[in-house]
Amino acid sequence: MATLIDINSERVRHPEKANKPDTEVLRKPKWIRVKAPTSKGYAETRKIVKDKGLVTVCEEAACPNIGECWEKSHATFMVLGEICTRACAFCNVATGLPQEVDAYEPGKIAEAVVEMKLKHVVITSVDRDDLDDGGAQHFVDVIKAIRKASPATTIEILTPDFLRKGDAPNMVIDAKADVFNHNLETVPRLYLKIRPGARYFHSLRLLEKVKDRDPSQFTKSGLMVGLGETKEEIMQVMDDMRSAGVDFLTIGQYLQPTRKHAKLERFVTPEEFKSYEIIARAKGFLMVSASPLTRSSYHADSDFAQLRAARDAQLAR
């Protein structure tokens, strides 16, 4: 479990949740337990991140795969600070008034990409509703900096929704990352409860806009399960995604960060995840990753290689 209060700063990490009643926390089944990170590779990755003053979603979102990924020098960099203007019921990222945007961050991330010898890098961010463009120009600057420093590195971005930010998404689309990811997160029925600051059809339209503007750009989106959704609702979201041209679907188990967060209703079995994968592939997704520990950027490098190969095979038919 993550902590509700940041003991290093004595700042309440989730002020909007502090007065909510505690919810029951279910015991994790054996298939979802992971070992604590202790490897040399993990320590080396952590040192690079800390020395350059960077933020990773691996840490901020309390990702269960941090040990495995950091051991392989895979980290998902989170730009635009570590404080989010939204208060999603599932998310462990801190909520509050964000800091000033670090103009030097794109260069520092590019340096880390080179130092870590990354063949594929994932860039995400907090929501920045306080910025006129929602942080779009910063995404562009980061992409440009990485392209300049490490031209061979493929770039995957996991963006916020840019809700009420006009044409800001077009700036990011035109920067031509290799993969444009925006997670729908859950089914429409649960949006008000789980993702109250977002709108399901706006997020869906964002993914569709990427394909309309640049058909060559891969699109990707992810869902959490275990929040009370039904199989039929998941299948409907799959259909919505395919209608929007989404290429790559990820499905993973929701894990409750604290007792104040959205209640985990149940653990979905590995067999159910396999069923979702089979259904999604039958619906036409080029790539599907569905397992209890799947996260948006889990195995992103190898998954991208498979995604590109799947498209090549499709075009060769």
C-alpha atoms as a PDB file:
ATOM      1  CA  MET A   1       0.000   0.000   0.000  1.00  0.00           C
ATOM      2  CA  ALA A   2       1.153   3.521  -0.744  1.00  0.00           C
ATOM      3  CA  THR A   3       1.023   6.218   1.922  1.00  0.00           C
ATOM      4  CA  LEU A   4      -1.500   9.047   2.054  1.00  0.00           C
ATOM      5  CA  ILE A   5       0.998  11.526   3.544  1.00  0.00           C
ATOM      6  CA  ASP A   6       4.415  12.288   2.081  1.00  0.00           C
ATOM      7  CA  ILE A   7       6.643  11.778   5.132  1.00  0.00           C
ATOM      8  CA  ASN A   8       9.554  13.596   3.509  1.00  0.00           C
ATOM      9  CA  SER A   9       7.679  16.901   3.240  1.00  0.00           C
ATOM     10  CA  GLU A  10       4.806  16.337   5.691  1.00  0.00           C
ATOM     11  CA  ARG A  11       2.531  17.378   2.829  1.00  0.00           C
ATOM     12  CA  VAL A  12      -0.783  15.596   2.463  1.00  0.00           C
ATOM     13  CA  ARG A  13      -0.368  13.692  -0.802  1.00  0.00           C
ATOM     14  CA  HIS A  14      -4.077  13.365  -1.502  1.00  0.00           C
ATOM     15  CA  PRO A  15      -5.824  16.225   0.348  1.00  0.00           C
ATOM     16  CA  GLU A  16      -9.106  15.625  -1.455  1.00  0.00           C
ATOM     17  CA  LYS A  17      -9.212  12.067  -0.090  1.00  0.00           C
ATOM     18  CA  ALA A  18      -8.067  12.738   3.484  1.00  0.00           C
ATOM     19  CA  ASN A  19     -11.582  12.847   4.966  1.00  0.00           C
ATOM     20  CA  LYS A  20     -12.980   9.931   3.008  1.00  0.00           C
ATOM     21  CA  PRO A  21     -13.853   6.780   4.959  1.00  0.00           C
ATOM     22  CA  ASP A  22     -11.420   3.887   4.814  1.00  0.00           C
ATOM     23  CA  THR A  23     -12.327   1.072   2.460  1.00  0.00           C
ATOM     24  CA  GLU A  24     -11.573  -2.605   2.819  1.00  0.00           C
ATOM     25  CA  VAL A  25      -8.299  -3.741   1.231  1.00  0.00           C
ATOM     26  CA  LEU A  26      -8.380  -7.219  -0.259  1.00  0.00           C
ATOM     27  CA  ARG A  27      -5.488  -9.617   0.256  1.00  0.00           C
ATOM     28  CA  LYS A  28      -3.448 -10.037  -2.913  1.00  0.00           C
ATOM     29  CA  PRO A  29      -3.550 -13.452  -4.567  1.00  0.00           C
ATOM     30  CA  LYS A  30      -0.310 -15.258  -5.303  1.00  0.00           C
ATOM     31  CA  TRP A  31      -0.328 -14.351  -8.996  1.00  0.00           C
ATOM     32  CA  ILE A  32       0.004 -10.634  -8.306  1.00  0.00           C
ATOM     33  CA  ARG A  33       2.754 -10.521  -5.706  1.00  0.00           C
ATOM     34  CA  VAL A  34       6.185  -9.175  -6.676  1.00  0.00           C
ATOM     35  CA  LYS A  35       9.585  -9.121  -5.012  1.00  0.00           C
ATOM     36  CA  ALA A  36      11.036  -5.940  -3.506  1.00  0.00           C
ATOM     37  CA  PRO A  37      13.551  -4.255  -5.866  1.00  0.00           C
ATOM     38  CA  THR A  38      17.134  -4.938  -4.767  1.00  0.00           C
ATOM     39  CA  SER A  39      19.166  -5.543  -7.959  1.00  0.00           C
ATOM     40  CA  LYS A  40      22.256  -3.656  -9.114  1.00  0.00           C
ATOM     41  CA  GLY A  41      20.465  -2.585 -12.285  1.00  0.00           C
ATOM     42  CA  TYR A  42      17.626  -1.113 -10.234  1.00  0.00           C
ATOM     43  CA  ALA A  43      20.089   0.887  -8.151  1.00  0.00           C
ATOM     44  CA  GLU A  44      21.882   2.197 -11.244  1.00  0.00           C
ATOM     45  CA  THR A  45      18.650   3.332 -12.876  1.00  0.00           C
ATOM     46  CA  ARG A  46      17.520   4.989  -9.662  1.00  0.00           C
ATOM     47  CA  LYS A  47      20.820   6.872  -9.403  1.00  0.00           C
ATOM     48  CA  ILE A  48      20.519   8.290 -12.930  1.00  0.00           C
ATOM     49  CA  VAL A  49      16.938   9.395 -12.256  1.00  0.00           C
ATOM     50  CA  LYS A  50      17.815  11.037  -8.947  1.00  0.00           C
ATOM     51  CA  ASP A  51      21.078  12.633 -10.122  1.00  0.00           C
ATOM     52  CA  LYS A  52      19.239  14.394 -12.929  1.00  0.00           C
ATOM     53  CA  GLY A  53      16.322  15.406 -10.718  1.00  0.00           C
ATOM     54  CA  LEU A  54      13.790  13.577 -12.881  1.00  0.00           C
ATOM     55  CA  VAL A  55      10.375  12.221 -11.944  1.00  0.00           C
ATOM     56  CA  THR A  56       9.105   8.787 -12.962  1.00  0.00           C
ATOM     57  CA  VAL A  57       5.572   7.467 -12.973  1.00  0.00           C
ATOM     58  CA  CYS A  58       7.094   4.194 -11.775  1.00  0.00           C
ATOM     59  CA  GLU A  59       7.629   5.791  -8.364  1.00  0.00           C
ATOM     60  CA  GLU A  60       4.779   8.308  -8.237  1.00  0.00           C
ATOM     61  CA  ALA A  61       2.121   5.769  -9.210  1.00  0.00           C
ATOM     62  CA  ALA A  62       3.643   3.030  -7.002  1.00  0.00           C
ATOM     63  CA  CYS A  63       3.978   0.660  -9.954  1.00  0.00           C
ATOM     64  CA  PRO A  64       4.409  -2.992  -8.913  1.00  0.00           C
ATOM     65  CA  ASN A  65       6.797  -3.618 -11.831  1.00  0.00           C
ATOM     66  CA  ILE A  66       9.424  -1.041 -10.852  1.00  0.00           C
ATOM     67  CA  GLY A  67      11.956  -3.659  -9.769  1.00  0.00           C
ATOM     68  CA  GLU A  68      11.759  -5.640 -12.995  1.00  0.00           C
ATOM     69  CA  CYS A  69      11.736  -2.610 -15.290  1.00  0.00           C
ATOM     70  CA  TRP A  70      14.475  -0.603 -13.569  1.00  0.00           C
ATOM     71  CA  GLU A  71      16.710  -3.658 -13.454  1.00  0.00           C
ATOM     72  CA  LYS A  72      16.568  -3.569 -17.278  1.00  0.00           C
ATOM     73  CA  SER A  73      17.140   0.220 -17.394  1.00  0.00           C
ATOM     74  CA  HIS A  74      13.534   0.851 -18.404  1.00  0.00           C
ATOM     75  CA  ALA A  75      11.854   3.835 -16.783  1.00  0.00           C
ATOM     76  CA  THR A  76       8.824   5.919 -17.710  1.00  0.00           C
ATOM     77  CA  PHE A  77       9.653   9.591 -17.274  1.00  0.00           C
ATOM     78  CA  MET A  78       6.899  11.838 -15.943  1.00  0.00           C
ATOM     79  CA  VAL A  79       7.205  15.438 -17.113  1.00  0.00           C
ATOM     80  CA  LEU A  80       5.603  18.705 -15.995  1.00  0.00           C
ATOM     81  CA  GLY A  81       6.198  18.031 -12.307  1.00  0.00           C
ATOM     82  CA  GLU A  82       4.961  15.520  -9.773  1.00  0.00           C
ATOM     83  CA  ILE A  83       1.729  17.227  -8.692  1.00  0.00           C
ATOM     84  CA  CYS A  84      -1.466  16.757 -10.705  1.00  0.00           C
ATOM     85  CA  THR A  85      -4.410  19.134 -11.015  1.00  0.00           C
ATOM     86  CA  ARG A  86      -6.850  16.204 -11.182  1.00  0.00           C
ATOM     87  CA  ALA A  87      -7.964  13.910  -8.382  1.00  0.00           C
ATOM     88  CA  CYS A  88      -8.767  10.577 -10.001  1.00  0.00           C
ATOM     89  CA  ALA A  89     -10.040   8.074  -7.478  1.00  0.00           C
ATOM     90  CA  PHE A  90      -7.620   5.336  -8.595  1.00  0.00           C
ATOM     91  CA  CYS A  91      -4.359   7.264  -8.912  1.00  0.00           C
ATOM     92  CA  ASN A  92      -1.477   7.561  -6.441  1.00  0.00           C
ATOM     93  CA  VAL A  93       0.057  10.682  -8.048  1.00  0.00           C
ATOM     94  CA  ALA A  94      -0.157  13.660  -5.682  1.00  0.00           C
ATOM     95  CA  THR A  95      -2.927  16.231  -6.162  1.00  0.00           C
ATOM     96  CA  GLY A  96      -2.513  19.960  -5.618  1.00  0.00           C
ATOM     97  CA  LEU A  97      -1.091  23.163  -7.071  1.00  0.00           C
ATOM     98  CA  PRO A  98       1.719  22.231  -9.493  1.00  0.00           C
ATOM     99  CA  GLN A  99       5.173  23.776  -9.626  1.00  0.00           C
ATOM    100  CA  GLU A 100       6.498  25.977 -12.407  1.00  0.00           C
ATOM    101  CA  VAL A 101       7.379  24.057 -15.555  1.00  0.00           C
ATOM    102  CA  ASP A 102      11.084  23.168 -15.671  1.00  0.00           C
ATOM    103  CA  ALA A 103      12.377  24.541 -18.966  1.00  0.00           C
ATOM    104  CA  TYR A 104      15.515  22.409 -18.641  1.00  0.00           C
ATOM    105  CA  GLU A 105      13.600  19.160 -18.231  1.00  0.00           C
ATOM    106  CA  PRO A 106      13.589  18.181 -21.943  1.00  0.00           C
ATOM    107  CA  GLY A 107      17.387  18.359 -22.045  1.00  0.00           C
ATOM    108  CA  LYS A 108      17.762  16.387 -18.821  1.00  0.00           C
ATOM    109  CA  ILE A 109      15.478  13.645 -20.090  1.00  0.00           C
ATOM    110  CA  ALA A 110      17.386  13.484 -23.376  1.00  0.00           C
ATOM    111  CA  GLU A 111      20.640  13.100 -21.421  1.00  0.00           C
ATOM    112  CA  ALA A 112      19.127  10.279 -19.363  1.00  0.00           C
ATOM    113  CA  VAL A 113      17.950   8.507 -22.532  1.00  0.00           C
ATOM    114  CA  VAL A 114      21.520   8.581 -23.869  1.00  0.00           C
ATOM    115  CA  GLU A 115      23.089   7.573 -20.557  1.00  0.00           C
ATOM    116  CA  MET A 116      20.667   4.667 -20.121  1.00  0.00           C
ATOM    117  CA  LYS A 117      21.137   3.650 -23.782  1.00  0.00           C
ATOM    118  CA  LEU A 118      17.401   3.397 -24.283  1.00  0.00           C
ATOM    119  CA  LYS A 119      16.151   1.998 -27.575  1.00  0.00           C
ATOM    120  CA  HIS A 120      12.578   2.905 -26.630  1.00  0.00           C
ATOM    121  CA  VAL A 121      11.466   5.541 -24.135  1.00  0.00           C
ATOM    122  CA  VAL A 122       8.071   6.312 -22.622  1.00  0.00           C
ATOM    123  CA  ILE A 123       7.156   9.878 -21.620  1.00  0.00           C
ATOM    124  CA  THR A 124       4.048  10.667 -19.583  1.00  0.00           C
ATOM    125  CA  SER A 125       2.880  13.587 -17.468  1.00  0.00           C
ATOM    126  CA  VAL A 126       0.562  14.772 -14.775  1.00  0.00           C
ATOM    127  CA  ASP A 127      -2.537  16.689 -15.847  1.00  0.00           C
ATOM    128  CA  ARG A 128      -1.812  20.418 -16.034  1.00  0.00           C
ATOM    129  CA  ASP A 129      -5.205  22.077 -16.280  1.00  0.00           C
ATOM    130  CA  ASP A 130      -3.510  25.261 -15.019  1.00  0.00           C
ATOM    131  CA  LEU A 131      -1.563  25.684 -18.284  1.00  0.00           C
ATOM    132  CA  ASP A 132      -3.161  27.259 -21.346  1.00  0.00           C
ATOM    133  CA  ASP A 133      -2.075  24.354 -23.560  1.00  0.00           C
ATOM    134  CA  GLY A 134      -2.261  21.636 -20.890  1.00  0.00           C
ATOM    135  CA  GLY A 135       1.493  21.061 -21.288  1.00  0.00           C
ATOM    136  CA  ALA A 136       1.359  20.300 -25.021  1.00  0.00           C
ATOM    137  CA  GLN A 137       4.357  22.454 -25.947  1.00  0.00           C
ATOM    138  CA  HIS A 138       6.432  20.774 -23.236  1.00  0.00           C
ATOM    139  CA  PHE A 139       5.682  17.365 -24.734  1.00  0.00           C
ATOM    140  CA  VAL A 140       6.837  18.730 -28.104  1.00  0.00           C
ATOM    141  CA  ASP A 141      10.052  20.060 -26.554  1.00  0.00           C
ATOM    142  CA  VAL A 142      10.798  16.725 -24.896  1.00  0.00           C
ATOM    143  CA  ILE A 143      10.235  14.795 -28.124  1.00  0.00           C
ATOM    144  CA  LYS A 144      12.502  17.177 -30.061  1.00  0.00           C
ATOM    145  CA  ALA A 145      15.248  16.954 -27.434  1.00  0.00           C
ATOM    146  CA  ILE A 146      15.235  13.148 -27.508  1.00  0.00           C
ATOM    147  CA  ARG A 147      15.226  13.048 -31.319  1.00  0.00           C
ATOM    148  CA  LYS A 148      18.257  15.340 -31.385  1.00  0.00           C
ATOM    149  CA  ALA A 149      20.237  13.505 -28.688  1.00  0.00           C
ATOM    150  CA  SER A 150      19.325   9.936 -29.643  1.00  0.00           C
ATOM    151  CA  PRO A 151      17.824   9.729 -33.156  1.00  0.00           C
ATOM    152  CA  ALA A 152      17.541   5.936 -33.106  1.00  0.00           C
ATOM    153  CA  THR A 153      15.432   5.850 -29.942  1.00  0.00           C
ATOM    154  CA  THR A 154      11.735   5.290 -30.554  1.00  0.00           C
ATOM    155  CA  ILE A 155       9.412   7.470 -28.493  1.00  0.00           C
ATOM    156  CA  GLU A 156       6.110   6.591 -26.851  1.00  0.00           C
ATOM    157  CA  ILE A 157       4.030   9.275 -25.163  1.00  0.00           C
ATOM    158  CA  LEU A 158       1.243   8.737 -22.638  1.00  0.00           C
ATOM    159  CA  THR A 159      -0.660  12.019 -22.612  1.00  0.00           C
ATOM    160  CA  PRO A 160      -3.353  13.683 -20.542  1.00  0.00           C
ATOM    161  CA  ASP A 161      -6.659  14.407 -22.274  1.00  0.00           C
ATOM    162  CA  PHE A 162      -6.078  18.139 -23.007  1.00  0.00           C
ATOM    163  CA  LEU A 163      -9.697  18.735 -22.026  1.00  0.00           C
ATOM    164  CA  ARG A 164     -10.853  22.240 -22.997  1.00  0.00           C
ATOM    165  CA  LYS A 165      -7.415  23.094 -24.467  1.00  0.00           C
ATOM    166  CA  GLY A 166      -8.536  23.777 -28.031  1.00  0.00           C
ATOM    167  CA  ASP A 167      -6.063  22.683 -30.692  1.00  0.00           C
ATOM    168  CA  ALA A 168      -3.299  21.850 -28.191  1.00  0.00           C
ATOM    169  CA  PRO A 169      -3.419  18.110 -29.007  1.00  0.00           C
ATOM    170  CA  ASN A 170      -2.523  18.888 -32.619  1.00  0.00           C
ATOM    171  CA  MET A 171       0.849  20.252 -31.477  1.00  0.00           C
ATOM    172  CA  VAL A 172       1.654  16.933 -29.829  1.00  0.00           C
ATOM    173  CA  ILE A 173       0.361  14.841 -32.713  1.00  0.00           C
ATOM    174  CA  ASP A 174       2.463  16.860 -35.159  1.00  0.00           C
ATOM    175  CA  ALA A 175       5.598  16.206 -33.081  1.00  0.00           C
ATOM    176  CA  LYS A 176       5.294  12.635 -34.409  1.00  0.00           C
ATOM    177  CA  ALA A 177       6.068  10.356 -31.500  1.00  0.00           C
ATOM    178  CA  ASP A 178       6.169   6.717 -32.596  1.00  0.00           C
ATOM    179  CA  VAL A 179       3.301   5.780 -30.264  1.00  0.00           C
ATOM    180  CA  PHE A 180       0.558   8.101 -28.994  1.00  0.00           C
ATOM    181  CA  ASN A 181      -1.009   6.598 -25.874  1.00  0.00           C
ATOM    182  CA  HIS A 182      -3.971   7.960 -23.968  1.00  0.00           C
ATOM    183  CA  ASN A 183      -5.687   5.686 -21.474  1.00  0.00           C
ATOM    184  CA  LEU A 184      -9.458   5.449 -21.239  1.00  0.00           C
ATOM    185  CA  GLU A 185      -8.811   3.752 -17.858  1.00  0.00           C
ATOM    186  CA  THR A 186     -12.318   2.416 -17.207  1.00  0.00           C
ATOM    187  CA  VAL A 187     -15.787   1.930 -18.666  1.00  0.00           C
ATOM    188  CA  PRO A 188     -18.133   4.918 -19.240  1.00  0.00           C
ATOM    189  CA  ARG A 189     -20.487   3.990 -16.380  1.00  0.00           C
ATOM    190  CA  LEU A 190     -17.698   4.387 -13.820  1.00  0.00           C
ATOM    191  CA  TYR A 191     -16.230   7.673 -15.062  1.00  0.00           C
ATOM    192  CA  LEU A 192     -18.001   9.957 -12.570  1.00  0.00           C
ATOM    193  CA  LYS A 193     -16.772   7.796  -9.700  1.00  0.00           C
ATOM    194  CA  ILE A 194     -13.283   6.844 -10.931  1.00  0.00           C
ATOM    195  CA  ARG A 195     -12.238   9.635 -13.308  1.00  0.00           C
ATOM    196  CA  PRO A 196     -14.471  12.592 -12.380  1.00  0.00           C
ATOM    197  CA  GLY A 197     -12.331  15.266 -14.056  1.00  0.00           C
ATOM    198  CA  ALA A 198     -12.350  13.516 -17.428  1.00  0.00           C
ATOM    199  CA  ARG A 199     -14.956  12.741 -20.097  1.00  0.00           C
ATOM    200  CA  TYR A 200     -15.068   9.318 -21.753  1.00  0.00           C
ATOM    201  CA  PHE A 201     -16.042  10.462 -25.241  1.00  0.00           C
ATOM    202  CA  HIS A 202     -13.548  13.334 -25.202  1.00  0.00           C
ATOM    203  CA  SER A 203     -10.759  10.845 -24.466  1.00  0.00           C
ATOM    204  CA  LEU A 204     -12.038   8.546 -27.195  1.00  0.00           C
ATOM    205  CA  ARG A 205     -12.166  11.450 -29.642  1.00  0.00           C
ATOM    206  CA  LEU A 206      -8.559  12.375 -28.790  1.00  0.00           C
ATOM    207  CA  LEU A 207      -7.408   8.924 -29.890  1.00  0.00           C
ATOM    208  CA  GLU A 208      -9.491   9.182 -33.040  1.00  0.00           C
ATOM    209  CA  LYS A 209      -8.020  12.620 -33.774  1.00  0.00           C
ATOM    210  CA  VAL A 210      -4.499  11.170 -33.775  1.00  0.00           C
ATOM    211  CA  LYS A 211      -5.445   8.716 -36.519  1.00  0.00           C
ATOM    212  CA  ASP A 212      -7.343  11.373 -38.481  1.00  0.00           C
ATOM    213  CA  ARG A 213      -4.366  13.721 -38.429  1.00  0.00           C
ATOM    214  CA  ASP A 214      -1.557  11.172 -38.807  1.00  0.00           C
ATOM    215  CA  PRO A 215      -2.668   7.658 -39.837  1.00  0.00           C
ATOM    216  CA  SER A 216       0.928   6.384 -39.644  1.00  0.00           C
ATOM    217  CA  GLN A 217       1.193   7.080 -35.910  1.00  0.00           C
ATOM    218  CA  PHE A 218       0.479   4.095 -33.661  1.00  0.00           C
ATOM    219  CA  THR A 219      -2.251   4.667 -31.081  1.00  0.00           C
ATOM    220  CA  LYS A 220      -2.567   2.886 -27.781  1.00  0.00           C
ATOM    221  CA  SER A 221      -4.948   2.901 -24.834  1.00  0.00           C
ATOM    222  CA  GLY A 222      -5.367   1.034 -21.579  1.00  0.00           C
ATOM    223  CA  LEU A 223      -7.985  -0.170 -19.122  1.00  0.00           C
ATOM    224  CA  MET A 224      -7.961  -1.185 -15.473  1.00  0.00           C
ATOM    225  CA  VAL A 225     -10.180  -4.017 -14.301  1.00  0.00           C
ATOM    226  CA  GLY A 226     -11.419  -4.949 -10.855  1.00  0.00           C
ATOM    227  CA  LEU A 227     -13.386  -1.731 -10.253  1.00  0.00           C
ATOM    228  CA  GLY A 228     -16.822  -3.255 -10.695  1.00  0.00           C
ATOM    229  CA  GLU A 229     -17.055  -3.230 -14.484  1.00  0.00           C
ATOM    230  CA  THR A 230     -18.676  -6.100 -16.379  1.00  0.00           C
ATOM    231  CA  LYS A 231     -17.203  -8.179 -19.193  1.00  0.00           C
ATOM    232  CA  GLU A 232     -19.826  -6.787 -21.555  1.00  0.00           C
ATOM    233  CA  GLU A 233     -18.795  -3.229 -20.709  1.00  0.00           C
ATOM    234  CA  ILE A 234     -15.134  -4.036 -21.388  1.00  0.00           C
ATOM    235  CA  MET A 235     -16.086  -5.532 -24.739  1.00  0.00           C
ATOM    236  CA  GLN A 236     -18.046  -2.380 -25.626  1.00  0.00           C
ATOM    237  CA  VAL A 237     -15.004  -0.219 -24.824  1.00  0.00           C
ATOM    238  CA  MET A 238     -12.936  -2.474 -27.073  1.00  0.00           C
ATOM    239  CA  ASP A 239     -15.413  -1.800 -29.882  1.00  0.00           C
ATOM    240  CA  ASP A 240     -15.258   1.951 -29.211  1.00  0.00           C
ATOM    241  CA  MET A 241     -11.470   1.863 -29.340  1.00  0.00           C
ATOM    242  CA  ARG A 242     -11.448  -0.038 -32.616  1.00  0.00           C
ATOM    243  CA  SER A 243     -13.911   2.462 -34.085  1.00  0.00           C
ATOM    244  CA  ALA A 244     -11.390   5.166 -33.131  1.00  0.00           C
ATOM    245  CA  GLY A 245      -8.609   3.226 -34.852  1.00  0.00           C
ATOM    246  CA  VAL A 246      -6.683   2.244 -31.727  1.00  0.00           C
ATOM    247  CA  ASP A 247      -3.889  -0.209 -32.562  1.00  0.00           C
ATOM    248  CA  PHE A 248      -2.716  -1.401 -29.144  1.00  0.00           C
ATOM    249  CA  LEU A 249      -4.774  -2.281 -26.065  1.00  0.00           C
ATOM    250  CA  THR A 250      -3.444  -2.865 -22.553  1.00  0.00           C
ATOM    251  CA  ILE A 251      -5.546  -4.330 -19.740  1.00  0.00           C
ATOM    252  CA  GLY A 252      -4.246  -4.643 -16.183  1.00  0.00           C
ATOM    253  CA  GLN A 253      -5.433  -5.231 -12.638  1.00  0.00           C
ATOM    254  CA  TYR A 254      -6.381  -2.165 -10.585  1.00  0.00           C
ATOM    255  CA  LEU A 255      -4.422  -2.081  -7.337  1.00  0.00           C
ATOM    256  CA  GLN A 256      -5.727   0.181  -4.592  1.00  0.00           C
ATOM    257  CA  PRO A 257      -2.961   2.628  -3.499  1.00  0.00           C
ATOM    258  CA  THR A 258      -4.486   3.480  -0.083  1.00  0.00           C
ATOM    259  CA  ARG A 259      -7.662   2.831   1.894  1.00  0.00           C
ATOM    260  CA  LYS A 260      -8.864   6.272   0.766  1.00  0.00           C
ATOM    261  CA  HIS A 261      -8.752   5.422  -2.927  1.00  0.00           C
ATOM    262  CA  ALA A 262     -11.429   3.738  -5.019  1.00  0.00           C
ATOM    263  CA  LYS A 263     -12.303   0.369  -3.600  1.00  0.00           C
ATOM    264  CA  LEU A 264     -10.905  -2.701  -5.325  1.00  0.00           C
ATOM    265  CA  GLU A 265     -13.968  -4.829  -5.969  1.00  0.00           C
ATOM    266  CA  ARG A 266     -12.166  -8.005  -7.005  1.00  0.00           C
ATOM    267  CA  PHE A 267      -9.013  -9.559  -8.413  1.00  0.00           C
ATOM    268  CA  VAL A 268      -9.429 -10.678 -12.009  1.00  0.00           C
ATOM    269  CA  THR A 269      -7.895 -14.096 -12.650  1.00  0.00           C
ATOM    270  CA  PRO A 270      -5.119 -14.764 -15.194  1.00  0.00           C
ATOM    271  CA  GLU A 271      -7.596 -16.905 -17.127  1.00  0.00           C
ATOM    272  CA  GLU A 272      -9.970 -13.962 -17.476  1.00  0.00           C
ATOM    273  CA  PHE A 273      -7.135 -11.767 -18.721  1.00  0.00           C
ATOM    274  CA  LYS A 274      -6.319 -14.382 -21.341  1.00  0.00           C
ATOM    275  CA  SER A 275      -9.953 -14.361 -22.417  1.00  0.00           C
ATOM    276  CA  TYR A 276      -9.859 -10.575 -22.800  1.00  0.00           C
ATOM    277  CA  GLU A 277      -6.720 -10.879 -24.927  1.00  0.00           C
ATOM    278  CA  ILE A 278      -8.327 -13.427 -27.246  1.00  0.00           C
ATOM    279  CA  ILE A 279     -11.457 -11.290 -27.642  1.00  0.00           C
ATOM    280  CA  ALA A 280      -9.433  -8.118 -28.290  1.00  0.00           C
ATOM    281  CA  ARG A 281      -7.293  -9.767 -30.953  1.00  0.00           C
ATOM    282  CA  ALA A 282     -10.425 -11.076 -32.639  1.00  0.00           C
ATOM    283  CA  LYS A 283     -11.741  -7.511 -32.747  1.00  0.00           C
ATOM    284  CA  GLY A 284      -8.715  -6.440 -34.764  1.00  0.00           C
ATOM    285  CA  PHE A 285      -6.191  -4.862 -32.390  1.00  0.00           C
ATOM    286  CA  LEU A 286      -2.660  -5.178 -33.775  1.00  0.00           C
ATOM    287  CA  MET A 287      -1.251  -5.722 -30.283  1.00  0.00           C
ATOM    288  CA  VAL A 288      -2.814  -6.709 -26.959  1.00  0.00           C
ATOM    289  CA  SER A 289      -1.181  -6.942 -23.545  1.00  0.00           C
ATOM    290  CA  ALA A 290      -3.529  -8.275 -20.883  1.00  0.00           C
ATOM    291  CA  SER A 291      -2.351  -9.667 -17.550  1.00  0.00           C
ATOM    292  CA  PRO A 292      -2.668  -8.871 -13.844  1.00  0.00           C
ATOM    293  CA  LEU A 293       0.570  -6.853 -13.814  1.00  0.00           C
ATOM    294  CA  THR A 294       0.183  -5.184 -17.205  1.00  0.00           C
ATOM    295  CA  ARG A 295       0.652  -1.418 -17.077  1.00  0.00           C
ATOM    296  CA  SER A 296       0.754   1.104 -19.928  1.00  0.00           C
ATOM    297  CA  SER A 297       4.527   1.050 -20.270  1.00  0.00           C
ATOM    298  CA  TYR A 298       5.218  -2.494 -19.043  1.00  0.00           C
ATOM    299  CA  HIS A 299       7.487  -4.205 -21.607  1.00  0.00           C
ATOM    300  CA  ALA A 300       6.918  -1.178 -23.845  1.00  0.00           C
ATOM    301  CA  ASP A 301      10.153  -1.704 -25.785  1.00  0.00           C
ATOM    302  CA  SER A 302       9.510  -5.306 -26.801  1.00  0.00           C
ATOM    303  CA  ASP A 303       5.799  -4.626 -27.294  1.00  0.00           C
ATOM    304  CA  PHE A 304       6.630  -1.812 -29.720  1.00  0.00           C
ATOM    305  CA  ALA A 305       8.764  -4.173 -31.786  1.00  0.00           C
ATOM    306  CA  GLN A 306       5.851  -6.625 -31.945  1.00  0.00           C
ATOM    307  CA  LEU A 307       3.438  -3.816 -32.782  1.00  0.00           C
ATOM    308  CA  ARG A 308       5.553  -2.645 -35.701  1.00  0.00           C
ATOM    309  CA  ALA A 309       5.989  -6.227 -36.941  1.00  0.00           C
ATOM    310  CA  ALA A 310       2.209  -6.775 -36.770  1.00  0.00           C
ATOM    311  CA  ARG A 311       1.576  -3.731 -38.916  1.00  0.00           C
ATOM    312  CA  ASP A 312       4.235  -4.778 -41.437  1.00  0.00           C
ATOM    313  CA  ALA A 313       2.609  -8.205 -41.675  1.00  0.00           C
ATOM    314  CA  GLN A 314      -0.813  -6.636 -42.137  1.00  0.00           C
ATOM    315  CA  LEU A 315       0.427  -4.350 -44.924  1.00  0.00           C
ATOM    316  CA  ALA A 316       2.144  -7.281 -46.653  1.00  0.00           C
ATOM    317  CA  ARG A 317      -1.098  -9.213 -47.071  1.00  0.00           C
END
